[in-house]
N, C-alpha and C. Protein backbone atom coordinates (compact mmCIF):
# COMPACT_ATOMS: atom_id res chain seq x y z
N MET A 1 -57.33 -40.34 -23.53
CA MET A 1 -56.94 -40.03 -24.89
C MET A 1 -56.87 -38.51 -25.03
N GLY A 2 -55.86 -38.01 -25.71
CA GLY A 2 -55.64 -36.57 -25.86
C GLY A 2 -56.54 -35.94 -26.90
N LEU A 3 -56.44 -34.63 -27.00
CA LEU A 3 -57.20 -33.89 -28.00
C LEU A 3 -56.69 -34.22 -29.39
N THR A 4 -57.59 -34.19 -30.36
CA THR A 4 -57.20 -34.40 -31.75
C THR A 4 -56.40 -33.20 -32.23
N LYS A 5 -55.29 -33.44 -32.88
CA LYS A 5 -54.46 -32.36 -33.38
C LYS A 5 -54.84 -32.12 -34.84
N THR A 6 -55.76 -31.17 -35.05
CA THR A 6 -56.25 -30.92 -36.40
C THR A 6 -55.19 -30.34 -37.32
N ASP A 7 -54.13 -29.77 -36.75
CA ASP A 7 -53.08 -29.21 -37.60
C ASP A 7 -52.30 -30.28 -38.35
N THR A 8 -52.50 -31.55 -37.98
CA THR A 8 -51.81 -32.63 -38.68
C THR A 8 -52.59 -33.09 -39.91
N TYR A 9 -53.80 -32.56 -40.10
CA TYR A 9 -54.64 -32.94 -41.24
C TYR A 9 -54.67 -31.82 -42.27
N SER A 10 -54.90 -32.19 -43.52
CA SER A 10 -54.96 -31.19 -44.58
C SER A 10 -56.22 -30.35 -44.44
N THR A 11 -56.18 -29.16 -45.01
CA THR A 11 -57.34 -28.27 -45.00
C THR A 11 -58.53 -28.95 -45.67
N GLU A 12 -58.27 -29.68 -46.74
CA GLU A 12 -59.34 -30.38 -47.46
C GLU A 12 -60.03 -31.40 -46.56
N ILE A 13 -59.26 -32.16 -45.80
CA ILE A 13 -59.83 -33.16 -44.89
C ILE A 13 -60.65 -32.48 -43.80
N ILE A 14 -60.15 -31.40 -43.25
CA ILE A 14 -60.87 -30.68 -42.20
C ILE A 14 -62.18 -30.12 -42.73
N GLU A 15 -62.15 -29.51 -43.92
CA GLU A 15 -63.38 -28.96 -44.52
C GLU A 15 -64.37 -30.07 -44.83
N LEU A 16 -63.90 -31.18 -45.37
CA LEU A 16 -64.78 -32.30 -45.70
C LEU A 16 -65.42 -32.88 -44.44
N SER A 17 -64.66 -32.98 -43.37
CA SER A 17 -65.23 -33.52 -42.13
C SER A 17 -66.31 -32.59 -41.58
N GLY A 18 -66.13 -31.28 -41.75
CA GLY A 18 -67.17 -30.34 -41.32
C GLY A 18 -68.44 -30.50 -42.12
N ILE A 19 -68.31 -30.71 -43.43
CA ILE A 19 -69.48 -30.92 -44.28
C ILE A 19 -70.18 -32.22 -43.90
N ILE A 20 -69.40 -33.27 -43.70
CA ILE A 20 -69.99 -34.56 -43.32
C ILE A 20 -70.71 -34.46 -41.98
N LYS A 21 -70.13 -33.74 -41.04
CA LYS A 21 -70.77 -33.55 -39.74
C LYS A 21 -72.09 -32.81 -39.90
N ALA A 22 -72.10 -31.76 -40.72
CA ALA A 22 -73.34 -31.00 -40.94
C ALA A 22 -74.40 -31.86 -41.60
N LEU A 23 -73.99 -32.75 -42.48
CA LEU A 23 -74.95 -33.61 -43.17
C LEU A 23 -75.35 -34.83 -42.35
N GLY A 24 -74.78 -34.96 -41.16
CA GLY A 24 -75.05 -36.11 -40.31
C GLY A 24 -76.44 -36.12 -39.69
N HIS A 25 -77.18 -35.05 -39.82
CA HIS A 25 -78.54 -34.98 -39.26
C HIS A 25 -79.55 -35.28 -40.36
N PRO A 26 -80.51 -36.17 -40.11
CA PRO A 26 -81.48 -36.53 -41.15
C PRO A 26 -82.26 -35.34 -41.71
N ALA A 27 -82.59 -34.37 -40.88
CA ALA A 27 -83.32 -33.20 -41.38
C ALA A 27 -82.47 -32.41 -42.36
N ARG A 28 -81.19 -32.30 -42.08
CA ARG A 28 -80.31 -31.56 -42.99
C ARG A 28 -80.13 -32.32 -44.30
N MET A 29 -80.06 -33.64 -44.22
CA MET A 29 -79.98 -34.43 -45.45
C MET A 29 -81.25 -34.24 -46.27
N ALA A 30 -82.40 -34.19 -45.61
CA ALA A 30 -83.66 -33.97 -46.32
C ALA A 30 -83.69 -32.59 -46.97
N ILE A 31 -83.17 -31.59 -46.28
CA ILE A 31 -83.12 -30.23 -46.83
C ILE A 31 -82.19 -30.20 -48.04
N VAL A 32 -81.02 -30.80 -47.94
CA VAL A 32 -80.08 -30.82 -49.06
C VAL A 32 -80.68 -31.58 -50.24
N SER A 33 -81.37 -32.67 -49.97
CA SER A 33 -82.02 -33.43 -51.03
C SER A 33 -83.08 -32.56 -51.72
N TYR A 34 -83.85 -31.83 -50.93
CA TYR A 34 -84.87 -30.94 -51.50
C TYR A 34 -84.22 -29.85 -52.34
N LEU A 35 -83.13 -29.27 -51.84
CA LEU A 35 -82.43 -28.22 -52.58
C LEU A 35 -81.85 -28.77 -53.89
N ALA A 36 -81.42 -30.01 -53.89
CA ALA A 36 -80.87 -30.60 -55.10
C ALA A 36 -81.92 -30.74 -56.19
N ASN A 37 -83.17 -30.95 -55.77
CA ASN A 37 -84.26 -31.13 -56.73
C ASN A 37 -85.07 -29.87 -56.98
N THR A 38 -84.90 -28.86 -56.13
CA THR A 38 -85.68 -27.63 -56.23
C THR A 38 -84.77 -26.43 -56.06
N PRO A 39 -84.07 -26.04 -57.12
CA PRO A 39 -83.16 -24.89 -57.00
C PRO A 39 -83.91 -23.58 -56.77
N ASN A 40 -83.25 -22.68 -56.10
CA ASN A 40 -83.77 -21.34 -55.84
C ASN A 40 -85.11 -21.33 -55.12
N CYS A 41 -85.19 -22.08 -54.03
CA CYS A 41 -86.40 -22.07 -53.22
C CYS A 41 -86.15 -21.21 -51.98
N ILE A 42 -87.22 -20.87 -51.30
CA ILE A 42 -87.11 -20.09 -50.07
C ILE A 42 -87.44 -20.99 -48.89
N THR A 43 -87.17 -20.49 -47.69
CA THR A 43 -87.38 -21.29 -46.48
C THR A 43 -88.80 -21.84 -46.41
N ASN A 44 -89.80 -21.03 -46.75
CA ASN A 44 -91.19 -21.50 -46.67
C ASN A 44 -91.46 -22.66 -47.60
N ASP A 45 -90.78 -22.72 -48.76
CA ASP A 45 -90.93 -23.87 -49.66
C ASP A 45 -90.48 -25.15 -48.96
N ILE A 46 -89.37 -25.05 -48.24
CA ILE A 46 -88.84 -26.21 -47.51
C ILE A 46 -89.79 -26.61 -46.39
N VAL A 47 -90.32 -25.61 -45.68
CA VAL A 47 -91.26 -25.87 -44.58
C VAL A 47 -92.50 -26.59 -45.09
N GLU A 48 -92.99 -26.18 -46.26
CA GLU A 48 -94.19 -26.82 -46.83
C GLU A 48 -93.92 -28.26 -47.26
N GLU A 49 -92.68 -28.54 -47.64
CA GLU A 49 -92.33 -29.88 -48.14
C GLU A 49 -91.98 -30.86 -47.02
N LEU A 50 -91.31 -30.40 -45.98
CA LEU A 50 -90.82 -31.27 -44.91
C LEU A 50 -91.66 -31.10 -43.65
N PRO A 51 -91.72 -32.14 -42.83
CA PRO A 51 -92.50 -32.05 -41.59
C PRO A 51 -91.73 -31.34 -40.47
N LEU A 52 -91.27 -30.13 -40.77
CA LEU A 52 -90.47 -29.35 -39.82
C LEU A 52 -91.05 -27.94 -39.72
N SER A 53 -90.91 -27.36 -38.55
CA SER A 53 -91.38 -25.98 -38.37
C SER A 53 -90.42 -25.01 -39.05
N GLN A 54 -90.87 -23.77 -39.25
CA GLN A 54 -90.04 -22.76 -39.88
C GLN A 54 -88.79 -22.51 -39.05
N ALA A 55 -88.93 -22.47 -37.74
CA ALA A 55 -87.78 -22.23 -36.87
C ALA A 55 -86.76 -23.36 -36.98
N THR A 56 -87.24 -24.59 -37.07
CA THR A 56 -86.35 -25.74 -37.19
C THR A 56 -85.62 -25.73 -38.52
N VAL A 57 -86.34 -25.43 -39.60
CA VAL A 57 -85.71 -25.35 -40.92
C VAL A 57 -84.65 -24.25 -40.92
N SER A 58 -84.98 -23.10 -40.35
CA SER A 58 -84.02 -21.99 -40.30
C SER A 58 -82.77 -22.38 -39.52
N GLN A 59 -82.95 -23.10 -38.43
CA GLN A 59 -81.80 -23.54 -37.62
C GLN A 59 -80.91 -24.50 -38.43
N HIS A 60 -81.53 -25.43 -39.14
CA HIS A 60 -80.76 -26.37 -39.94
C HIS A 60 -80.08 -25.67 -41.12
N LEU A 61 -80.74 -24.71 -41.73
CA LEU A 61 -80.12 -23.95 -42.81
C LEU A 61 -78.91 -23.17 -42.28
N ARG A 62 -79.01 -22.67 -41.07
CA ARG A 62 -77.89 -21.95 -40.46
C ARG A 62 -76.70 -22.89 -40.30
N GLU A 63 -76.95 -24.11 -39.84
CA GLU A 63 -75.87 -25.09 -39.70
C GLU A 63 -75.25 -25.42 -41.06
N LEU A 64 -76.08 -25.53 -42.08
CA LEU A 64 -75.56 -25.81 -43.42
C LEU A 64 -74.77 -24.63 -43.96
N ARG A 65 -75.22 -23.42 -43.66
CA ARG A 65 -74.48 -22.23 -44.10
C ARG A 65 -73.10 -22.18 -43.46
N ASN A 66 -72.96 -22.71 -42.26
CA ASN A 66 -71.67 -22.71 -41.58
C ASN A 66 -70.61 -23.47 -42.36
N VAL A 67 -71.01 -24.49 -43.12
CA VAL A 67 -70.06 -25.24 -43.94
C VAL A 67 -70.19 -24.87 -45.41
N ASP A 68 -71.12 -23.98 -45.74
CA ASP A 68 -71.28 -23.38 -47.06
C ASP A 68 -71.54 -24.36 -48.20
N PRO A 69 -72.44 -25.36 -48.03
CA PRO A 69 -72.74 -26.23 -49.15
C PRO A 69 -73.81 -25.69 -50.08
N HIS A 70 -74.35 -24.54 -49.76
CA HIS A 70 -75.40 -23.94 -50.57
C HIS A 70 -75.21 -22.43 -50.59
N LYS A 71 -75.95 -21.79 -51.42
CA LYS A 71 -75.88 -20.34 -51.46
C LYS A 71 -77.24 -19.77 -51.14
N GLY A 72 -77.27 -18.54 -50.72
CA GLY A 72 -78.52 -17.86 -50.45
C GLY A 72 -78.51 -16.47 -51.04
N ASP A 73 -79.46 -16.19 -51.91
CA ASP A 73 -79.59 -14.87 -52.50
C ASP A 73 -80.71 -14.13 -51.80
N ILE A 74 -80.41 -12.96 -51.27
CA ILE A 74 -81.39 -12.18 -50.53
C ILE A 74 -82.17 -11.29 -51.49
N GLU A 75 -83.49 -11.41 -51.44
CA GLU A 75 -84.39 -10.57 -52.23
C GLU A 75 -85.47 -10.07 -51.29
N GLY A 76 -85.35 -8.82 -50.87
CA GLY A 76 -86.31 -8.27 -49.90
C GLY A 76 -86.14 -8.97 -48.57
N THR A 77 -87.24 -9.55 -48.08
CA THR A 77 -87.17 -10.26 -46.80
C THR A 77 -86.99 -11.76 -46.98
N SER A 78 -86.88 -12.23 -48.22
CA SER A 78 -86.73 -13.66 -48.50
C SER A 78 -85.30 -13.99 -48.90
N VAL A 79 -84.89 -15.20 -48.55
CA VAL A 79 -83.59 -15.71 -48.99
C VAL A 79 -83.87 -16.91 -49.87
N SER A 80 -83.33 -16.88 -51.09
CA SER A 80 -83.50 -17.97 -52.03
C SER A 80 -82.29 -18.89 -51.91
N TYR A 81 -82.52 -20.17 -51.67
CA TYR A 81 -81.43 -21.13 -51.45
C TYR A 81 -81.25 -22.03 -52.67
N ALA A 82 -80.00 -22.39 -52.92
CA ALA A 82 -79.66 -23.36 -53.96
C ALA A 82 -78.31 -23.98 -53.61
N LEU A 83 -78.09 -25.20 -54.06
CA LEU A 83 -76.81 -25.85 -53.83
C LEU A 83 -75.76 -25.26 -54.75
N ILE A 84 -74.53 -25.24 -54.30
CA ILE A 84 -73.41 -24.82 -55.13
C ILE A 84 -72.91 -26.06 -55.85
N PRO A 85 -72.86 -26.08 -57.18
CA PRO A 85 -72.50 -27.31 -57.90
C PRO A 85 -71.20 -27.97 -57.49
N LYS A 86 -70.16 -27.20 -57.11
CA LYS A 86 -68.87 -27.81 -56.76
C LYS A 86 -68.95 -28.65 -55.49
N ASN A 87 -69.94 -28.37 -54.61
CA ASN A 87 -70.03 -29.11 -53.36
C ASN A 87 -71.00 -30.27 -53.47
């Protein structure tokens, strides 16, 4: 079977598939669920809530940032995360 020709799909479909792929990991779904209920939290808040290490949470947040379903406001050495309502 040949390579998928992504140029035959709309930009919306390609972006949506990227978001779905990022949300395909249970830890990322748990992080997104936490962000939905706890706006403007920092990484340590997520670490305290979920059974994941700080490094693991940071890695999953990086994957989520790649598809941009949330925002991060930098204040000093902390990043405050929240979901973007349109996504």
